[in-house]
Amino acid sequence: MTILVTGAGTGFGYEVALRLAAKGLSVIAGVEIVAQVHALEQEAKRRGVQLRIEKLDVTHEGDRRNAAEWDVDVLLNNAGISEGGATVDIPAENLRRQYEVNVIGPLMLTQMIVKKMVAKKRGKIVFMSSVAGLTTDPFAGAYASSKHAVEAIAEAMSQELKEFGIEVATVNPGPFLTGFNDRMFETWKNWQDDPSQRLFDYSKLAFPHEQYDPEPVYATTIGVITGEIVSYRNVEPKEIIDQQRKQLDSAWTRKSTDGLGQRSELVQKAFDIKPGMPI
């Protein structure tokens, strides 16, 4: 079984790729930039594992075409970025980049790879989604909307590919302390806009949640990839599942007039919390 992990240069993908390799599985670790190849090679050497490292920027058509030639049994669509900021402030260029990396690029890559899976009548597509694909927080609307799109794509794909023997599953991490969430609240520093027109002072905001140790995400993702876990949706940590369901249900009873003229609780928390706050 050969597993392709995109976005393996950092974060979840980095650790999952190395741990899969440690299990003796055949792993292709796709990294966005060439500079990440050496770092991953050195870490693999340090751990005494072997994996194939390839440059694979999911937004680059040439990289996707190269990947389409590989014989892949499981594709983990892990590559992603997070653009923070109020939905009414984010510049168009940043919003487009959010969708290119999180939605369009991964889907175009999947289209190419899944055709070869269909020919073999077996394969698995795993999307590294997020609880942000189920619910939404203030200042994460762009990122959450991209993950909502991923959820819709995964759900449609799951139904479309069943007859061809292709499995589809999602992994939905909550707030984990990998640096990903905190970096989301720093992207405003590169905006090409007029700061005087922004509704919020982003220098005063931080990710509005305490964050968990990421260990459960690695274990669950590996379980989904290897088939030890066969659930379609896989939320981690499991202790927040009920909270997610309540938040989803609340939309049916919440009124558009609720709390008008007052700052929402999570917006206030973004002002009050410090970056990188652990649970």
C-alpha atoms as a PDB file:
ATOM      1  CA  MET A   1       0.000   0.000   0.000  1.00  0.00           C
ATOM      2  CA  THR A   2       1.394   3.374  -1.048  1.00  0.00           C
ATOM      3  CA  ILE A   3       0.169   6.474   0.771  1.00  0.00           C
ATOM      4  CA  LEU A   4       0.524  10.015  -0.571  1.00  0.00           C
ATOM      5  CA  VAL A   5       0.469  12.709   2.124  1.00  0.00           C
ATOM      6  CA  THR A   6       0.212  16.294   0.877  1.00  0.00           C
ATOM      7  CA  GLY A   7       1.397  19.182   3.016  1.00  0.00           C
ATOM      8  CA  ALA A   8       3.962  16.901   4.668  1.00  0.00           C
ATOM      9  CA  GLY A   9       6.483  19.685   5.205  1.00  0.00           C
ATOM     10  CA  THR A  10       4.856  20.914   8.414  1.00  0.00           C
ATOM     11  CA  GLY A  11       2.169  20.221  10.994  1.00  0.00           C
ATOM     12  CA  PHE A  12      -0.084  17.170  10.948  1.00  0.00           C
ATOM     13  CA  GLY A  13       1.166  15.957   7.567  1.00  0.00           C
ATOM     14  CA  TYR A  14       4.804  16.018   8.676  1.00  0.00           C
ATOM     15  CA  GLU A  15       4.212  13.839  11.714  1.00  0.00           C
ATOM     16  CA  VAL A  16       1.696  11.505  10.072  1.00  0.00           C
ATOM     17  CA  ALA A  17       4.041  10.830   7.139  1.00  0.00           C
ATOM     18  CA  LEU A  18       6.930   9.985   9.460  1.00  0.00           C
ATOM     19  CA  ARG A  19       4.803   7.752  11.672  1.00  0.00           C
ATOM     20  CA  LEU A  20       3.351   5.877   8.714  1.00  0.00           C
ATOM     21  CA  ALA A  21       6.882   5.300   7.468  1.00  0.00           C
ATOM     22  CA  ALA A  22       7.855   4.054  10.926  1.00  0.00           C
ATOM     23  CA  LYS A  23       5.168   1.379  10.512  1.00  0.00           C
ATOM     24  CA  GLY A  24       7.003   0.163   7.424  1.00  0.00           C
ATOM     25  CA  LEU A  25       4.405   1.515   5.009  1.00  0.00           C
ATOM     26  CA  SER A  26       5.295   2.990   1.635  1.00  0.00           C
ATOM     27  CA  VAL A  27       4.902   6.758   1.991  1.00  0.00           C
ATOM     28  CA  ILE A  28       5.220   9.576  -0.518  1.00  0.00           C
ATOM     29  CA  ALA A  29       5.556  12.820   1.424  1.00  0.00           C
ATOM     30  CA  GLY A  30       4.523  15.778  -0.705  1.00  0.00           C
ATOM     31  CA  VAL A  31       6.020  19.099   0.412  1.00  0.00           C
ATOM     32  CA  GLU A  32       5.126  22.547  -0.871  1.00  0.00           C
ATOM     33  CA  ILE A  33       8.636  23.930  -1.402  1.00  0.00           C
ATOM     34  CA  VAL A  34      12.012  22.378  -2.169  1.00  0.00           C
ATOM     35  CA  ALA A  35      13.509  23.795   1.038  1.00  0.00           C
ATOM     36  CA  GLN A  36      11.271  21.446   3.053  1.00  0.00           C
ATOM     37  CA  VAL A  37      12.727  18.354   1.380  1.00  0.00           C
ATOM     38  CA  HIS A  38      16.035  18.514   3.241  1.00  0.00           C
ATOM     39  CA  ALA A  39      14.433  19.130   6.642  1.00  0.00           C
ATOM     40  CA  LEU A  40      12.138  16.127   6.248  1.00  0.00           C
ATOM     41  CA  GLU A  41      15.001  13.972   4.959  1.00  0.00           C
ATOM     42  CA  GLN A  42      17.056  14.818   8.030  1.00  0.00           C
ATOM     43  CA  GLU A  43      14.210  14.029  10.410  1.00  0.00           C
ATOM     44  CA  ALA A  44      13.504  10.724   8.671  1.00  0.00           C
ATOM     45  CA  LYS A  45      17.185   9.845   8.979  1.00  0.00           C
ATOM     46  CA  ARG A  46      17.163  10.799  12.659  1.00  0.00           C
ATOM     47  CA  ARG A  47      14.181   8.505  13.274  1.00  0.00           C
ATOM     48  CA  GLY A  48      15.615   5.711  11.168  1.00  0.00           C
ATOM     49  CA  VAL A  49      12.695   5.588   8.723  1.00  0.00           C
ATOM     50  CA  GLN A  50      12.474   5.670   4.947  1.00  0.00           C
ATOM     51  CA  LEU A  51      10.012   7.639   2.873  1.00  0.00           C
ATOM     52  CA  ARG A  52       9.936   9.184  -0.568  1.00  0.00           C
ATOM     53  CA  ILE A  53       9.864  12.980  -0.515  1.00  0.00           C
ATOM     54  CA  GLU A  54       8.537  14.900  -3.515  1.00  0.00           C
ATOM     55  CA  LYS A  55       7.847  18.553  -4.196  1.00  0.00           C
ATOM     56  CA  LEU A  56       4.083  18.841  -4.483  1.00  0.00           C
ATOM     57  CA  ASP A  57       2.475  22.243  -4.335  1.00  0.00           C
ATOM     58  CA  VAL A  58      -1.197  21.359  -4.783  1.00  0.00           C
ATOM     59  CA  THR A  59      -1.839  24.698  -6.504  1.00  0.00           C
ATOM     60  CA  HIS A  60       0.837  24.021  -9.157  1.00  0.00           C
ATOM     61  CA  GLU A  61      -0.506  22.205 -12.214  1.00  0.00           C
ATOM     62  CA  GLY A  62       2.894  20.770 -13.132  1.00  0.00           C
ATOM     63  CA  ASP A  63       3.333  19.321  -9.637  1.00  0.00           C
ATOM     64  CA  ARG A  64      -0.147  17.807  -9.790  1.00  0.00           C
ATOM     65  CA  ARG A  65       0.569  16.212 -13.161  1.00  0.00           C
ATOM     66  CA  ASN A  66       3.752  14.669 -11.788  1.00  0.00           C
ATOM     67  CA  ALA A  67       1.812  13.252  -8.838  1.00  0.00           C
ATOM     68  CA  ALA A  68      -0.795  11.787 -11.189  1.00  0.00           C
ATOM     69  CA  GLU A  69       1.888   9.427 -12.503  1.00  0.00           C
ATOM     70  CA  TRP A  70       2.519   7.880  -9.083  1.00  0.00           C
ATOM     71  CA  ASP A  71       0.818   4.649  -8.070  1.00  0.00           C
ATOM     72  CA  VAL A  72      -1.168   5.781  -5.002  1.00  0.00           C
ATOM     73  CA  ASP A  73      -3.494   3.581  -2.944  1.00  0.00           C
ATOM     74  CA  VAL A  74      -4.395   6.171  -0.282  1.00  0.00           C
ATOM     75  CA  LEU A  75      -4.399   9.942  -0.730  1.00  0.00           C
ATOM     76  CA  LEU A  76      -4.342  12.104   2.390  1.00  0.00           C
ATOM     77  CA  ASN A  77      -5.359  15.608   1.291  1.00  0.00           C
ATOM     78  CA  ASN A  78      -3.675  17.390   4.175  1.00  0.00           C
ATOM     79  CA  ALA A  79      -2.175  20.499   2.544  1.00  0.00           C
ATOM     80  CA  GLY A  80      -3.874  23.646   3.756  1.00  0.00           C
ATOM     81  CA  ILE A  81      -3.477  27.219   4.964  1.00  0.00           C
ATOM     82  CA  SER A  82      -5.535  29.385   7.296  1.00  0.00           C
ATOM     83  CA  GLU A  83      -6.383  33.006   6.588  1.00  0.00           C
ATOM     84  CA  GLY A  84      -7.565  34.903   9.649  1.00  0.00           C
ATOM     85  CA  GLY A  85      -9.540  38.115   9.876  1.00  0.00           C
ATOM     86  CA  ALA A  86     -13.095  39.358   9.775  1.00  0.00           C
ATOM     87  CA  THR A  87     -14.977  38.358   6.642  1.00  0.00           C
ATOM     88  CA  VAL A  88     -15.578  42.028   5.832  1.00  0.00           C
ATOM     89  CA  ASP A  89     -11.866  42.902   6.043  1.00  0.00           C
ATOM     90  CA  ILE A  90      -9.976  40.115   4.231  1.00  0.00           C
ATOM     91  CA  PRO A  91      -8.532  41.302   0.884  1.00  0.00           C
ATOM     92  CA  ALA A  92      -9.647  39.480  -2.253  1.00  0.00           C
ATOM     93  CA  GLU A  93      -6.153  38.180  -3.020  1.00  0.00           C
ATOM     94  CA  ASN A  94      -5.928  36.464   0.367  1.00  0.00           C
ATOM     95  CA  LEU A  95      -9.410  35.021   0.051  1.00  0.00           C
ATOM     96  CA  ARG A  96      -8.620  33.552  -3.371  1.00  0.00           C
ATOM     97  CA  ARG A  97      -5.399  32.017  -2.047  1.00  0.00           C
ATOM     98  CA  GLN A  98      -7.376  30.410   0.790  1.00  0.00           C
ATOM     99  CA  TYR A  99      -9.610  28.615  -1.682  1.00  0.00           C
ATOM    100  CA  GLU A 100      -6.854  27.744  -4.154  1.00  0.00           C
ATOM    101  CA  VAL A 101      -4.842  25.906  -1.487  1.00  0.00           C
ATOM    102  CA  ASN A 102      -7.623  24.352   0.584  1.00  0.00           C
ATOM    103  CA  VAL A 103     -10.239  23.535  -2.037  1.00  0.00           C
ATOM    104  CA  ILE A 104      -9.356  23.861  -5.707  1.00  0.00           C
ATOM    105  CA  GLY A 105      -5.816  22.477  -5.650  1.00  0.00           C
ATOM    106  CA  PRO A 106      -6.660  19.375  -3.580  1.00  0.00           C
ATOM    107  CA  LEU A 107      -9.731  18.626  -5.694  1.00  0.00           C
ATOM    108  CA  MET A 108      -7.788  18.925  -8.958  1.00  0.00           C
ATOM    109  CA  LEU A 109      -5.123  16.589  -7.551  1.00  0.00           C
ATOM    110  CA  THR A 110      -7.767  14.127  -6.370  1.00  0.00           C
ATOM    111  CA  GLN A 111      -9.433  14.097  -9.787  1.00  0.00           C
ATOM    112  CA  MET A 112      -6.175  12.948 -11.376  1.00  0.00           C
ATOM    113  CA  ILE A 113      -5.292  10.327  -8.775  1.00  0.00           C
ATOM    114  CA  VAL A 114      -8.756   8.861  -8.286  1.00  0.00           C
ATOM    115  CA  LYS A 115      -9.078   7.881 -11.962  1.00  0.00           C
ATOM    116  CA  LYS A 116      -6.208   5.416 -11.506  1.00  0.00           C
ATOM    117  CA  MET A 117      -7.854   4.114  -8.318  1.00  0.00           C
ATOM    118  CA  VAL A 118     -11.083   3.528 -10.206  1.00  0.00           C
ATOM    119  CA  ALA A 119      -9.200   1.471 -12.785  1.00  0.00           C
ATOM    120  CA  LYS A 120      -7.998  -0.775  -9.940  1.00  0.00           C
ATOM    121  CA  LYS A 121     -11.430  -0.675  -8.236  1.00  0.00           C
ATOM    122  CA  ARG A 122      -9.849   0.127  -4.895  1.00  0.00           C
ATOM    123  CA  GLY A 123      -8.420   3.108  -3.089  1.00  0.00           C
ATOM    124  CA  LYS A 124      -9.086   5.618  -0.359  1.00  0.00           C
ATOM    125  CA  ILE A 125      -9.323   9.406  -0.271  1.00  0.00           C
ATOM    126  CA  VAL A 126      -8.929  11.027   3.147  1.00  0.00           C
ATOM    127  CA  PHE A 127      -9.555  14.744   3.598  1.00  0.00           C
ATOM    128  CA  MET A 128      -7.898  16.523   6.505  1.00  0.00           C
ATOM    129  CA  SER A 129     -10.859  18.744   7.192  1.00  0.00           C
ATOM    130  CA  SER A 130     -11.537  20.474  10.507  1.00  0.00           C
ATOM    131  CA  VAL A 131     -14.261  21.125  13.034  1.00  0.00           C
ATOM    132  CA  ALA A 132     -14.218  24.467  11.189  1.00  0.00           C
ATOM    133  CA  GLY A 133     -15.821  22.513   8.354  1.00  0.00           C
ATOM    134  CA  LEU A 134     -18.785  21.899  10.644  1.00  0.00           C
ATOM    135  CA  THR A 135     -19.026  25.098  12.695  1.00  0.00           C
ATOM    136  CA  THR A 136     -17.568  28.595  12.415  1.00  0.00           C
ATOM    137  CA  ASP A 137     -15.847  31.061  14.749  1.00  0.00           C
ATOM    138  CA  PRO A 138     -15.376  34.812  14.368  1.00  0.00           C
ATOM    139  CA  PHE A 139     -12.237  35.804  12.448  1.00  0.00           C
ATOM    140  CA  ALA A 140     -12.042  32.318  10.908  1.00  0.00           C
ATOM    141  CA  GLY A 141     -14.799  32.705   8.342  1.00  0.00           C
ATOM    142  CA  ALA A 142     -12.540  32.409   5.279  1.00  0.00           C
ATOM    143  CA  TYR A 143     -10.784  29.318   6.595  1.00  0.00           C
ATOM    144  CA  ALA A 144     -14.009  27.740   7.871  1.00  0.00           C
ATOM    145  CA  SER A 145     -15.794  28.384   4.584  1.00  0.00           C
ATOM    146  CA  SER A 146     -12.989  26.584   2.734  1.00  0.00           C
ATOM    147  CA  LYS A 147     -13.344  23.615   5.076  1.00  0.00           C
ATOM    148  CA  HIS A 148     -17.142  23.669   4.692  1.00  0.00           C
ATOM    149  CA  ALA A 149     -16.438  23.364   0.964  1.00  0.00           C
ATOM    150  CA  VAL A 150     -14.121  20.416   1.652  1.00  0.00           C
ATOM    151  CA  GLU A 151     -16.896  18.752   3.655  1.00  0.00           C
ATOM    152  CA  ALA A 152     -19.342  19.173   0.774  1.00  0.00           C
ATOM    153  CA  ILE A 153     -16.830  17.812  -1.728  1.00  0.00           C
ATOM    154  CA  ALA A 154     -16.000  14.826   0.487  1.00  0.00           C
ATOM    155  CA  GLU A 155     -19.680  14.004   1.056  1.00  0.00           C
ATOM    156  CA  ALA A 156     -20.500  14.173  -2.658  1.00  0.00           C
ATOM    157  CA  MET A 157     -17.380  12.208  -3.572  1.00  0.00           C
ATOM    158  CA  SER A 158     -18.221   9.518  -1.025  1.00  0.00           C
ATOM    159  CA  GLN A 159     -21.550   8.891  -2.721  1.00  0.00           C
ATOM    160  CA  GLU A 160     -20.174   9.177  -6.261  1.00  0.00           C
ATOM    161  CA  LEU A 161     -17.289   6.728  -5.808  1.00  0.00           C
ATOM    162  CA  LYS A 162     -18.928   3.930  -3.834  1.00  0.00           C
ATOM    163  CA  GLU A 163     -19.759   1.887  -6.925  1.00  0.00           C
ATOM    164  CA  PHE A 164     -16.089   1.974  -7.937  1.00  0.00           C
ATOM    165  CA  GLY A 165     -14.835   0.608  -4.614  1.00  0.00           C
ATOM    166  CA  ILE A 166     -13.259   3.878  -3.458  1.00  0.00           C
ATOM    167  CA  GLU A 167     -13.534   4.846   0.212  1.00  0.00           C
ATOM    168  CA  VAL A 168     -13.776   8.481   1.310  1.00  0.00           C
ATOM    169  CA  ALA A 169     -13.341   9.750   4.874  1.00  0.00           C
ATOM    170  CA  THR A 170     -12.649  12.966   6.747  1.00  0.00           C
ATOM    171  CA  VAL A 171     -10.541  13.796   9.779  1.00  0.00           C
ATOM    172  CA  ASN A 172     -11.799  16.828  11.686  1.00  0.00           C
ATOM    173  CA  PRO A 173      -9.300  18.249  14.181  1.00  0.00           C
ATOM    174  CA  GLY A 174     -10.445  20.796  16.716  1.00  0.00           C
ATOM    175  CA  PRO A 175      -8.139  23.414  18.257  1.00  0.00           C
ATOM    176  CA  PHE A 176      -4.722  21.756  18.490  1.00  0.00           C
ATOM    177  CA  LEU A 177      -1.502  23.430  19.524  1.00  0.00           C
ATOM    178  CA  THR A 178       0.658  23.073  16.405  1.00  0.00           C
ATOM    179  CA  GLY A 179       1.102  26.788  15.659  1.00  0.00           C
ATOM    180  CA  PHE A 180      -1.365  26.588  12.758  1.00  0.00           C
ATOM    181  CA  ASN A 181      -4.178  28.396  14.578  1.00  0.00           C
ATOM    182  CA  ASP A 182      -1.940  31.097  16.000  1.00  0.00           C
ATOM    183  CA  ARG A 183      -0.396  31.816  12.594  1.00  0.00           C
ATOM    184  CA  MET A 184      -3.931  32.295  11.240  1.00  0.00           C
ATOM    185  CA  PHE A 185      -4.221  35.355  13.464  1.00  0.00           C
ATOM    186  CA  GLU A 186      -1.026  36.861  12.032  1.00  0.00           C
ATOM    187  CA  THR A 187      -1.820  36.750   8.301  1.00  0.00           C
ATOM    188  CA  TRP A 188      -3.148  40.322   8.433  1.00  0.00           C
ATOM    189  CA  LYS A 189       0.482  41.506   8.610  1.00  0.00           C
ATOM    190  CA  ASN A 190       0.863  40.761   4.882  1.00  0.00           C
ATOM    191  CA  TRP A 191      -2.415  42.258   3.690  1.00  0.00           C
ATOM    192  CA  GLN A 192      -2.135  44.781   0.866  1.00  0.00           C
ATOM    193  CA  ASP A 193      -4.995  47.013   2.000  1.00  0.00           C
ATOM    194  CA  ASP A 194      -5.739  50.252   3.797  1.00  0.00           C
ATOM    195  CA  PRO A 195      -5.491  49.500   7.547  1.00  0.00           C
ATOM    196  CA  SER A 196      -7.584  52.557   8.368  1.00  0.00           C
ATOM    197  CA  GLN A 197     -10.576  50.884   6.710  1.00  0.00           C
ATOM    198  CA  ARG A 198     -10.441  47.711   8.825  1.00  0.00           C
ATOM    199  CA  LEU A 199     -13.167  47.123  11.388  1.00  0.00           C
ATOM    200  CA  PHE A 200     -10.767  45.484  13.842  1.00  0.00           C
ATOM    201  CA  ASP A 201      -7.251  46.054  15.142  1.00  0.00           C
ATOM    202  CA  TYR A 202      -5.774  42.606  14.517  1.00  0.00           C
ATOM    203  CA  SER A 203      -2.672  43.323  16.580  1.00  0.00           C
ATOM    204  CA  LYS A 204      -4.935  42.953  19.616  1.00  0.00           C
ATOM    205  CA  LEU A 205      -6.559  39.650  18.639  1.00  0.00           C
ATOM    206  CA  ALA A 206      -5.583  36.004  19.150  1.00  0.00           C
ATOM    207  CA  PHE A 207      -7.102  32.598  18.361  1.00  0.00           C
ATOM    208  CA  PRO A 208     -10.086  32.466  20.760  1.00  0.00           C
ATOM    209  CA  HIS A 209      -9.671  28.912  22.073  1.00  0.00           C
ATOM    210  CA  GLU A 210      -7.383  27.054  24.429  1.00  0.00           C
ATOM    211  CA  GLN A 211      -5.625  24.336  22.439  1.00  0.00           C
ATOM    212  CA  TYR A 212      -5.031  20.611  22.851  1.00  0.00           C
ATOM    213  CA  ASP A 213      -1.973  18.404  22.476  1.00  0.00           C
ATOM    214  CA  PRO A 214      -2.091  17.076  18.868  1.00  0.00           C
ATOM    215  CA  GLU A 215      -1.332  13.425  19.665  1.00  0.00           C
ATOM    216  CA  PRO A 216      -4.931  12.162  19.122  1.00  0.00           C
ATOM    217  CA  VAL A 217      -4.980  13.597  15.588  1.00  0.00           C
ATOM    218  CA  TYR A 218      -1.915  11.605  14.569  1.00  0.00           C
ATOM    219  CA  ALA A 219      -3.353   8.369  15.948  1.00  0.00           C
ATOM    220  CA  THR A 220      -6.780   8.848  14.390  1.00  0.00           C
ATOM    221  CA  THR A 221      -5.449   9.915  10.988  1.00  0.00           C
ATOM    222  CA  ILE A 222      -3.164   6.896  10.830  1.00  0.00           C
ATOM    223  CA  GLY A 223      -6.065   4.656  11.885  1.00  0.00           C
ATOM    224  CA  VAL A 224      -8.264   6.020   9.107  1.00  0.00           C
ATOM    225  CA  ILE A 225      -5.495   5.615   6.514  1.00  0.00           C
ATOM    226  CA  THR A 226      -4.662   2.032   7.506  1.00  0.00           C
ATOM    227  CA  GLY A 227      -8.309   0.960   7.817  1.00  0.00           C
ATOM    228  CA  GLU A 228      -8.220   0.365  11.565  1.00  0.00           C
ATOM    229  CA  ILE A 229     -10.853   3.125  11.780  1.00  0.00           C
ATOM    230  CA  VAL A 230     -13.721   2.985   9.280  1.00  0.00           C
ATOM    231  CA  SER A 231     -15.840   5.942  10.452  1.00  0.00           C
ATOM    232  CA  TYR A 232     -16.612   8.438   7.707  1.00  0.00           C
ATOM    233  CA  ARG A 233     -16.215  11.518   9.952  1.00  0.00           C
ATOM    234  CA  ASN A 234     -13.546  11.523  12.646  1.00  0.00           C
ATOM    235  CA  VAL A 235     -13.564  14.458  15.069  1.00  0.00           C
ATOM    236  CA  GLU A 236     -10.715  14.950  17.537  1.00  0.00           C
ATOM    237  CA  PRO A 237     -10.599  15.428  20.435  1.00  0.00           C
ATOM    238  CA  LYS A 238     -13.692  13.329  20.979  1.00  0.00           C
ATOM    239  CA  GLU A 239     -14.653  15.367  24.038  1.00  0.00           C
ATOM    240  CA  ILE A 240     -15.754  18.268  21.810  1.00  0.00           C
ATOM    241  CA  ILE A 241     -18.159  16.233  19.653  1.00  0.00           C
ATOM    242  CA  ASP A 242     -21.199  17.076  21.802  1.00  0.00           C
ATOM    243  CA  GLN A 243     -20.211  20.735  21.786  1.00  0.00           C
ATOM    244  CA  GLN A 244     -20.038  20.684  17.981  1.00  0.00           C
ATOM    245  CA  ARG A 245     -23.469  19.095  17.705  1.00  0.00           C
ATOM    246  CA  LYS A 246     -24.985  21.677  20.064  1.00  0.00           C
ATOM    247  CA  GLN A 247     -23.448  24.505  18.076  1.00  0.00           C
ATOM    248  CA  LEU A 248     -24.862  23.079  14.853  1.00  0.00           C
ATOM    249  CA  ASP A 249     -28.306  22.600  16.396  1.00  0.00           C
ATOM    250  CA  SER A 250     -28.359  26.147  17.818  1.00  0.00           C
ATOM    251  CA  ALA A 251     -28.643  27.596  14.308  1.00  0.00           C
ATOM    252  CA  TRP A 252     -32.217  26.255  14.125  1.00  0.00           C
ATOM    253  CA  THR A 253     -33.362  28.291  17.128  1.00  0.00           C
ATOM    254  CA  ARG A 254     -31.063  31.338  17.089  1.00  0.00           C
ATOM    255  CA  LYS A 255     -32.656  34.595  15.959  1.00  0.00           C
ATOM    256  CA  SER A 256     -30.927  37.094  13.687  1.00  0.00           C
ATOM    257  CA  THR A 257     -31.754  39.770  16.270  1.00  0.00           C
ATOM    258  CA  ASP A 258     -30.114  37.952  19.200  1.00  0.00           C
ATOM    259  CA  GLY A 259     -27.382  40.056  20.809  1.00  0.00           C
ATOM    260  CA  LEU A 260     -27.581  42.939  18.349  1.00  0.00           C
ATOM    261  CA  GLY A 261     -25.482  45.889  19.518  1.00  0.00           C
ATOM    262  CA  GLN A 262     -23.335  43.702  21.777  1.00  0.00           C
ATOM    263  CA  ARG A 263     -19.949  42.108  21.212  1.00  0.00           C
ATOM    264  CA  SER A 264     -20.176  38.334  20.910  1.00  0.00           C
ATOM    265  CA  GLU A 265     -18.550  36.178  23.575  1.00  0.00           C
ATOM    266  CA  LEU A 266     -15.971  34.652  21.239  1.00  0.00           C
ATOM    267  CA  VAL A 267     -15.043  38.030  19.734  1.00  0.00           C
ATOM    268  CA  GLN A 268     -14.355  39.285  23.241  1.00  0.00           C
ATOM    269  CA  LYS A 269     -12.343  36.167  24.030  1.00  0.00           C
ATOM    270  CA  ALA A 270     -10.167  36.849  20.972  1.00  0.00           C
ATOM    271  CA  PHE A 271      -9.261  40.165  22.588  1.00  0.00           C
ATOM    272  CA  ASP A 272      -8.657  38.649  26.018  1.00  0.00           C
ATOM    273  CA  ILE A 273      -6.765  35.396  25.347  1.00  0.00           C
ATOM    274  CA  LYS A 274      -3.023  35.040  24.820  1.00  0.00           C
ATOM    275  CA  PRO A 275      -1.673  33.222  21.717  1.00  0.00           C
ATOM    276  CA  GLY A 276      -0.783  29.549  22.102  1.00  0.00           C
ATOM    277  CA  MET A 277      -2.877  29.024  25.212  1.00  0.00           C
ATOM    278  CA  PRO A 278      -2.941  25.303  26.076  1.00  0.00           C
ATOM    279  CA  ILE A 279      -5.942  23.505  27.551  1.00  0.00           C
END
